[in-house]
N, C-alpha and C. Protein backbone atom coordinates (compact mmCIF):
# COMPACT_ATOMS: atom_id res chain seq x y z
N MET A 1 380.25 -124.00 -120.68
CA MET A 1 379.57 -124.82 -119.54
C MET A 1 380.20 -126.29 -119.69
N SER A 2 380.66 -126.60 -118.18
CA SER A 2 381.36 -127.97 -118.01
C SER A 2 379.95 -129.18 -118.28
N GLN A 3 380.47 -130.45 -118.66
CA GLN A 3 379.63 -131.14 -119.04
C GLN A 3 378.72 -131.39 -117.34
N GLY A 4 379.30 -131.86 -116.31
CA GLY A 4 378.47 -131.74 -115.34
C GLY A 4 377.16 -130.58 -114.73
N LEU A 5 377.52 -129.79 -114.97
CA LEU A 5 376.62 -128.03 -115.51
C LEU A 5 375.67 -128.33 -116.03
N ARG A 6 375.92 -128.53 -117.38
CA ARG A 6 374.94 -129.09 -118.61
C ARG A 6 373.87 -130.38 -118.29
N GLN A 7 374.53 -131.06 -117.43
CA GLN A 7 373.93 -132.39 -117.16
C GLN A 7 373.19 -131.84 -115.69
N PHE A 8 373.51 -131.32 -114.68
CA PHE A 8 372.37 -130.79 -113.79
C PHE A 8 371.13 -130.03 -114.54
N ALA A 9 371.35 -129.00 -115.37
CA ALA A 9 370.69 -128.24 -115.82
C ALA A 9 369.49 -128.92 -116.70
N GLN A 10 370.08 -129.66 -117.67
CA GLN A 10 369.08 -130.40 -118.33
C GLN A 10 368.07 -131.56 -117.06
N ASP A 11 368.97 -132.25 -116.28
CA ASP A 11 368.10 -132.69 -114.84
C ASP A 11 367.05 -131.84 -114.36
N ALA A 12 367.08 -130.63 -113.80
CA ALA A 12 366.68 -129.85 -113.11
C ALA A 12 365.34 -129.62 -114.24
N LYS A 13 365.90 -129.61 -115.73
CA LYS A 13 364.01 -128.75 -116.36
C LYS A 13 363.76 -130.27 -116.67
N SER A 14 363.77 -131.49 -116.72
CA SER A 14 363.45 -132.60 -116.92
C SER A 14 362.51 -132.82 -115.65
N PHE A 15 363.12 -132.32 -114.40
CA PHE A 15 362.35 -132.69 -113.03
C PHE A 15 361.19 -131.43 -113.40
N MET A 16 361.36 -130.02 -113.46
CA MET A 16 360.18 -129.02 -113.19
C MET A 16 359.52 -129.42 -114.23
N LEU A 17 359.49 -129.54 -115.47
CA LEU A 17 358.38 -130.61 -116.64
C LEU A 17 357.92 -131.19 -115.94
N ALA A 18 358.25 -132.20 -115.25
CA ALA A 18 357.24 -133.34 -114.65
C ALA A 18 356.71 -132.94 -113.89
N ALA A 19 357.18 -132.56 -112.51
CA ALA A 19 356.42 -131.58 -111.53
C ALA A 19 355.79 -131.06 -111.67
N GLY A 20 355.72 -130.15 -113.08
CA GLY A 20 354.71 -128.79 -113.34
C GLY A 20 353.19 -129.68 -113.87
N ILE A 21 353.66 -130.68 -114.97
CA ILE A 21 352.79 -131.86 -115.39
C ILE A 21 351.61 -132.08 -114.31
N ARG A 22 352.61 -132.93 -113.19
CA ARG A 22 352.08 -133.75 -112.26
C ARG A 22 351.48 -132.49 -111.04
N ALA A 23 351.52 -131.70 -111.33
CA ALA A 23 351.06 -130.46 -109.93
C ALA A 23 349.86 -130.18 -110.92
N ILE A 24 349.52 -129.21 -112.05
CA ILE A 24 348.32 -129.62 -112.69
C ILE A 24 347.48 -130.56 -112.89
N LYS A 25 347.67 -131.61 -113.24
CA LYS A 25 347.01 -133.09 -112.82
C LYS A 25 346.49 -132.91 -111.29
N THR A 26 347.14 -132.80 -110.80
CA THR A 26 346.27 -132.92 -109.18
C THR A 26 345.38 -131.43 -109.13
N MET A 27 345.96 -130.00 -109.37
CA MET A 27 345.11 -129.00 -109.40
C MET A 27 343.42 -129.31 -109.88
N ALA A 28 343.71 -129.71 -111.24
CA ALA A 28 342.54 -130.23 -111.63
C ALA A 28 341.77 -131.30 -111.14
N GLN A 29 342.22 -132.06 -110.75
CA GLN A 29 341.50 -133.37 -109.74
C GLN A 29 340.85 -132.75 -108.45
N THR A 30 341.72 -132.06 -108.14
CA THR A 30 341.19 -131.11 -106.84
C THR A 30 340.24 -130.02 -106.97
N ALA A 31 340.16 -129.25 -108.13
CA ALA A 31 339.18 -128.33 -108.58
C ALA A 31 338.15 -129.01 -109.02
N VAL A 32 338.29 -130.58 -109.46
CA VAL A 32 336.64 -131.04 -110.18
C VAL A 32 336.02 -131.44 -108.72
N ALA A 33 337.04 -132.16 -107.74
CA ALA A 33 336.13 -132.52 -106.32
C ALA A 33 335.82 -131.17 -105.43
N LEU A 34 335.91 -130.31 -105.71
CA LEU A 34 336.00 -129.38 -104.70
C LEU A 34 334.46 -129.24 -105.19
N ILE A 35 334.74 -128.51 -106.87
CA ILE A 35 333.22 -127.70 -107.37
C ILE A 35 331.74 -129.30 -107.26
N GLY A 36 332.39 -130.08 -107.76
CA GLY A 36 331.20 -131.56 -107.05
C GLY A 36 330.70 -131.15 -106.02
N THR A 37 331.50 -130.96 -104.92
CA THR A 37 330.75 -131.27 -103.99
C THR A 37 330.22 -129.96 -103.15
N ASN A 38 330.16 -128.98 -103.98
CA ASN A 38 330.21 -127.67 -103.45
C ASN A 38 328.78 -127.50 -103.71
N ALA A 39 328.06 -127.50 -104.71
CA ALA A 39 326.90 -126.67 -105.10
C ALA A 39 326.78 -127.23 -106.46
N VAL A 40 324.99 -127.35 -106.53
CA VAL A 40 324.89 -127.66 -107.31
C VAL A 40 324.61 -127.18 -109.11
N GLY A 41 324.56 -125.94 -108.89
CA GLY A 41 324.86 -124.75 -110.10
C GLY A 41 325.45 -124.67 -109.67
N VAL A 42 326.29 -124.00 -111.28
CA VAL A 42 327.31 -122.44 -111.30
C VAL A 42 327.61 -121.70 -110.34
N THR A 43 326.33 -120.85 -110.21
CA THR A 43 326.42 -119.65 -109.15
C THR A 43 326.34 -119.86 -107.81
N GLU A 44 326.60 -120.97 -107.47
CA GLU A 44 326.39 -121.47 -106.27
C GLU A 44 327.50 -121.97 -105.51
N VAL A 45 328.77 -121.88 -106.85
CA VAL A 45 330.03 -122.68 -106.64
C VAL A 45 330.71 -121.90 -105.70
N ASP A 46 331.32 -121.77 -104.63
CA ASP A 46 332.52 -121.10 -103.81
C ASP A 46 333.48 -121.24 -104.60
N TRP A 47 333.78 -120.31 -105.84
CA TRP A 47 334.64 -120.18 -106.44
C TRP A 47 336.34 -119.97 -105.70
N LEU A 48 336.09 -118.86 -104.71
CA LEU A 48 337.26 -118.92 -103.79
C LEU A 48 338.02 -119.67 -103.07
N GLY A 49 336.55 -120.52 -102.52
CA GLY A 49 336.87 -121.68 -101.86
C GLY A 49 338.07 -122.83 -102.66
N VAL A 50 337.40 -122.68 -103.93
CA VAL A 50 337.71 -123.78 -105.25
C VAL A 50 339.24 -123.10 -105.58
N LEU A 51 339.71 -121.83 -105.55
CA LEU A 51 340.80 -121.80 -105.98
C LEU A 51 341.39 -121.58 -104.99
N SER A 52 341.36 -121.57 -103.89
CA SER A 52 342.40 -122.14 -103.29
C SER A 52 342.86 -123.08 -102.41
N GLY A 53 341.82 -123.86 -102.91
CA GLY A 53 341.99 -125.61 -102.23
C GLY A 53 343.00 -126.06 -103.62
N THR A 54 342.74 -125.65 -104.48
CA THR A 54 343.26 -125.83 -105.72
C THR A 54 345.08 -125.09 -106.08
N ALA A 55 344.86 -124.14 -105.67
CA ALA A 55 345.88 -123.58 -105.50
C ALA A 55 347.08 -124.25 -104.58
N LEU A 56 346.08 -124.92 -103.53
CA LEU A 56 347.27 -125.35 -102.12
C LEU A 56 347.61 -126.88 -102.53
N SER A 57 346.77 -127.81 -103.25
CA SER A 57 346.96 -128.30 -104.17
C SER A 57 348.13 -129.00 -104.83
N GLY A 58 348.21 -127.63 -105.80
CA GLY A 58 349.19 -127.19 -106.23
C GLY A 58 351.13 -127.36 -106.12
N VAL A 59 350.61 -126.46 -104.44
CA VAL A 59 352.16 -126.22 -104.04
C VAL A 59 352.12 -127.69 -103.53
N LEU A 60 351.36 -128.49 -102.72
CA LEU A 60 351.66 -129.82 -102.26
C LEU A 60 352.22 -130.48 -102.89
N SER A 61 351.67 -130.73 -103.99
CA SER A 61 351.81 -131.56 -105.01
C SER A 61 353.43 -131.37 -105.53
N VAL A 62 354.40 -130.11 -105.92
CA VAL A 62 355.24 -130.18 -106.19
C VAL A 62 356.15 -129.79 -104.91
N LEU A 63 356.37 -129.90 -103.60
CA LEU A 63 356.67 -129.76 -102.65
C LEU A 63 357.06 -131.73 -102.34
N THR A 64 355.98 -132.09 -102.69
CA THR A 64 356.21 -133.50 -102.47
C THR A 64 357.05 -134.51 -103.52
N SER A 65 357.00 -133.97 -105.18
CA SER A 65 357.81 -134.12 -105.63
C SER A 65 359.48 -133.74 -105.43
N ILE A 66 359.44 -132.34 -104.95
CA ILE A 66 360.94 -132.49 -104.96
C ILE A 66 361.21 -133.45 -103.39
N TYR A 67 360.20 -133.90 -102.21
CA TYR A 67 360.89 -134.58 -101.34
C TYR A 67 360.93 -136.10 -101.71
N THR A 68 360.41 -136.19 -102.24
CA THR A 68 360.12 -137.86 -102.62
C THR A 68 360.85 -138.48 -104.68
N GLY A 69 361.13 -137.35 -105.15
CA GLY A 69 361.38 -137.73 -106.41
C GLY A 69 360.46 -137.88 -107.46
N LEU A 70 360.76 -138.23 -108.53
CA LEU A 70 359.81 -138.53 -109.76
C LEU A 70 360.12 -139.42 -110.19
N PRO A 71 359.56 -140.70 -110.52
CA PRO A 71 360.30 -141.93 -110.98
C PRO A 71 359.98 -141.77 -112.66
N GLU A 72 359.11 -140.91 -112.90
CA GLU A 72 359.45 -140.63 -114.28
C GLU A 72 360.29 -140.09 -114.86
N VAL A 73 361.17 -139.21 -114.07
CA VAL A 73 362.63 -138.46 -114.19
C VAL A 73 363.90 -139.32 -114.28
N GLY A 74 363.60 -140.32 -113.55
CA GLY A 74 364.79 -141.50 -113.28
C GLY A 74 365.96 -140.65 -112.70
N LEU A 75 365.79 -139.39 -111.53
CA LEU A 75 366.46 -139.16 -110.66
C LEU A 75 366.19 -140.08 -109.61
N PRO A 76 367.16 -139.41 -109.15
CA PRO A 76 367.24 -140.64 -107.28
C PRO A 76 366.21 -140.16 -106.57
N GLU A 77 365.61 -141.04 -105.97
CA GLU A 77 364.20 -140.91 -104.75
C GLU A 77 365.12 -140.91 -103.45
N ALA A 78 363.98 -140.21 -102.75
CA ALA A 78 364.38 -139.90 -101.28
C ALA A 78 364.88 -141.42 -100.74
N PRO A 79 365.47 -141.34 -99.79
CA PRO A 79 365.65 -142.59 -98.74
C PRO A 79 364.95 -142.93 -97.87
N LYS A 80 363.55 -144.66 -98.03
CA LYS A 80 363.11 -144.81 -97.50
C LYS A 80 363.42 -144.79 -95.95
N GLU A 81 362.42 -144.50 -95.09
CA GLU A 81 362.78 -144.39 -93.47
C GLU A 81 361.99 -145.98 -92.95
């Protein structure tokens, strides 16, 4: 494996780990917000709605990370418009 390819693989691994951690945190925050606003008791929670909103927030977090970059990884960010 060439040095450039090895570096790319390491950068990709770092990016995926950081983006995954960020997405999980976003999903947890979304779930807490949706559960807190939907019901008083556990049986009254619209769990399908919470799951749907939480999954969507995770997907959007990863897409945002791809578009804007992640400062904690140290890779170049998207150009400013």
